[in-house]
Amino acid sequence: MYFYARDYANAEPMIRLYNSKYPDEPTSIFWMARITEATKDKDYKTGAAKDYYNQWIGKINEDPAKKKIF
């Protein structure tokens, strides 16, 4: 996976493609948060990924069964 190879330039479009194919899955939102942290908020000081994490929490709260996956 591009993320683990620290190839964030290729990871982001792949995650966006995944999200467009599976918009109801919270996984893509979680990975966008991780990419945003890695590229824009390495020290976790600006909260750049906060919106993605809030969206992700909202998605997993829609279906309690999805919480067990994480």
C-alpha atoms as a PDB file:
ATOM      1  CA  MET A   1       0.000   0.000   0.000  1.00  0.00           C
ATOM      2  CA  TYR A   2       1.236   3.436  -0.903  1.00  0.00           C
ATOM      3  CA  PHE A   3       0.643   4.776   2.595  1.00  0.00           C
ATOM      4  CA  TYR A   4       3.052   2.339   4.222  1.00  0.00           C
ATOM      5  CA  ALA A   5       5.645   3.120   1.568  1.00  0.00           C
ATOM      6  CA  ARG A   6       5.196   6.806   2.460  1.00  0.00           C
ATOM      7  CA  ASP A   7       4.141   7.509  -1.113  1.00  0.00           C
ATOM      8  CA  TYR A   8       1.370   9.875  -0.062  1.00  0.00           C
ATOM      9  CA  ALA A   9       1.112  11.503  -3.496  1.00  0.00           C
ATOM     10  CA  ASN A  10      -0.177   8.189  -4.884  1.00  0.00           C
ATOM     11  CA  ALA A  11      -2.001   7.093  -1.750  1.00  0.00           C
ATOM     12  CA  GLU A  12      -4.449   9.989  -1.716  1.00  0.00           C
ATOM     13  CA  PRO A  13      -5.868   9.452  -5.243  1.00  0.00           C
ATOM     14  CA  MET A  14      -6.242   5.731  -4.552  1.00  0.00           C
ATOM     15  CA  ILE A  15      -8.155   6.395  -1.345  1.00  0.00           C
ATOM     16  CA  ARG A  16     -10.362   8.939  -3.130  1.00  0.00           C
ATOM     17  CA  LEU A  17     -11.095   6.350  -5.832  1.00  0.00           C
ATOM     18  CA  TYR A  18     -11.987   3.780  -3.169  1.00  0.00           C
ATOM     19  CA  ASN A  19     -14.297   6.328  -1.537  1.00  0.00           C
ATOM     20  CA  SER A  20     -16.036   7.050  -4.841  1.00  0.00           C
ATOM     21  CA  LYS A  21     -16.679   3.340  -5.388  1.00  0.00           C
ATOM     22  CA  TYR A  22     -17.699   2.571  -1.807  1.00  0.00           C
ATOM     23  CA  PRO A  23     -19.075   5.802  -0.291  1.00  0.00           C
ATOM     24  CA  ASP A  24     -20.785   4.025   2.605  1.00  0.00           C
ATOM     25  CA  GLU A  25     -17.571   2.470   3.890  1.00  0.00           C
ATOM     26  CA  PRO A  26     -15.776   4.407   6.646  1.00  0.00           C
ATOM     27  CA  THR A  27     -12.369   2.955   5.766  1.00  0.00           C
ATOM     28  CA  SER A  28     -11.508   5.535   3.121  1.00  0.00           C
ATOM     29  CA  ILE A  29     -12.261   8.421   5.466  1.00  0.00           C
ATOM     30  CA  PHE A  30      -9.995   6.912   8.105  1.00  0.00           C
ATOM     31  CA  TRP A  31      -7.138   6.581   5.606  1.00  0.00           C
ATOM     32  CA  MET A  32      -7.626  10.148   4.361  1.00  0.00           C
ATOM     33  CA  ALA A  33      -7.209  11.252   7.969  1.00  0.00           C
ATOM     34  CA  ARG A  34      -3.978   9.260   8.231  1.00  0.00           C
ATOM     35  CA  ILE A  35      -2.644  10.748   4.974  1.00  0.00           C
ATOM     36  CA  THR A  36      -3.566  14.253   6.095  1.00  0.00           C
ATOM     37  CA  GLU A  37      -1.730  13.731   9.368  1.00  0.00           C
ATOM     38  CA  ALA A  38       1.343  12.430   7.584  1.00  0.00           C
ATOM     39  CA  THR A  39       1.492  15.263   5.075  1.00  0.00           C
ATOM     40  CA  LYS A  40       0.022  18.312   6.811  1.00  0.00           C
ATOM     41  CA  ASP A  41       0.214  17.733  10.542  1.00  0.00           C
ATOM     42  CA  LYS A  42       3.213  15.562  11.355  1.00  0.00           C
ATOM     43  CA  ASP A  43       3.404  16.848  14.923  1.00  0.00           C
ATOM     44  CA  TYR A  44      -0.360  16.627  15.537  1.00  0.00           C
ATOM     45  CA  LYS A  45      -0.528  20.299  16.455  1.00  0.00           C
ATOM     46  CA  THR A  46      -2.823  21.854  13.842  1.00  0.00           C
ATOM     47  CA  GLY A  47      -5.653  19.320  13.855  1.00  0.00           C
ATOM     48  CA  ALA A  48      -5.619  19.132  10.062  1.00  0.00           C
ATOM     49  CA  ALA A  49      -7.218  15.678  10.074  1.00  0.00           C
ATOM     50  CA  LYS A  50      -9.922  16.537  12.607  1.00  0.00           C
ATOM     51  CA  ASP A  51     -12.685  16.863   9.992  1.00  0.00           C
ATOM     52  CA  TYR A  52     -11.839  13.473   8.504  1.00  0.00           C
ATOM     53  CA  TYR A  53     -11.881  11.822  11.919  1.00  0.00           C
ATOM     54  CA  ASN A  54     -15.225  13.438  12.750  1.00  0.00           C
ATOM     55  CA  GLN A  55     -16.655  12.147   9.464  1.00  0.00           C
ATOM     56  CA  TRP A  56     -15.236   8.703  10.185  1.00  0.00           C
ATOM     57  CA  ILE A  57     -16.764   8.601  13.681  1.00  0.00           C
ATOM     58  CA  GLY A  58     -20.089   9.677  12.202  1.00  0.00           C
ATOM     59  CA  LYS A  59     -19.949   6.840   9.671  1.00  0.00           C
ATOM     60  CA  ILE A  60     -19.102   4.120  12.179  1.00  0.00           C
ATOM     61  CA  ASN A  61     -21.786   5.396  14.558  1.00  0.00           C
ATOM     62  CA  GLU A  62     -24.414   4.966  11.808  1.00  0.00           C
ATOM     63  CA  ASP A  63     -23.989   1.181  11.963  1.00  0.00           C
ATOM     64  CA  PRO A  64     -22.844  -0.222  15.324  1.00  0.00           C
ATOM     65  CA  ALA A  65     -21.764  -3.478  13.636  1.00  0.00           C
ATOM     66  CA  LYS A  66     -18.998  -1.557  11.847  1.00  0.00           C
ATOM     67  CA  LYS A  67     -17.485  -0.551  15.191  1.00  0.00           C
ATOM     68  CA  LYS A  68     -16.504  -4.158  15.814  1.00  0.00           C
ATOM     69  CA  ILE A  69     -14.297  -4.078  12.728  1.00  0.00           C
ATOM     70  CA  PHE A  70     -12.175  -1.323  14.220  1.00  0.00           C
END
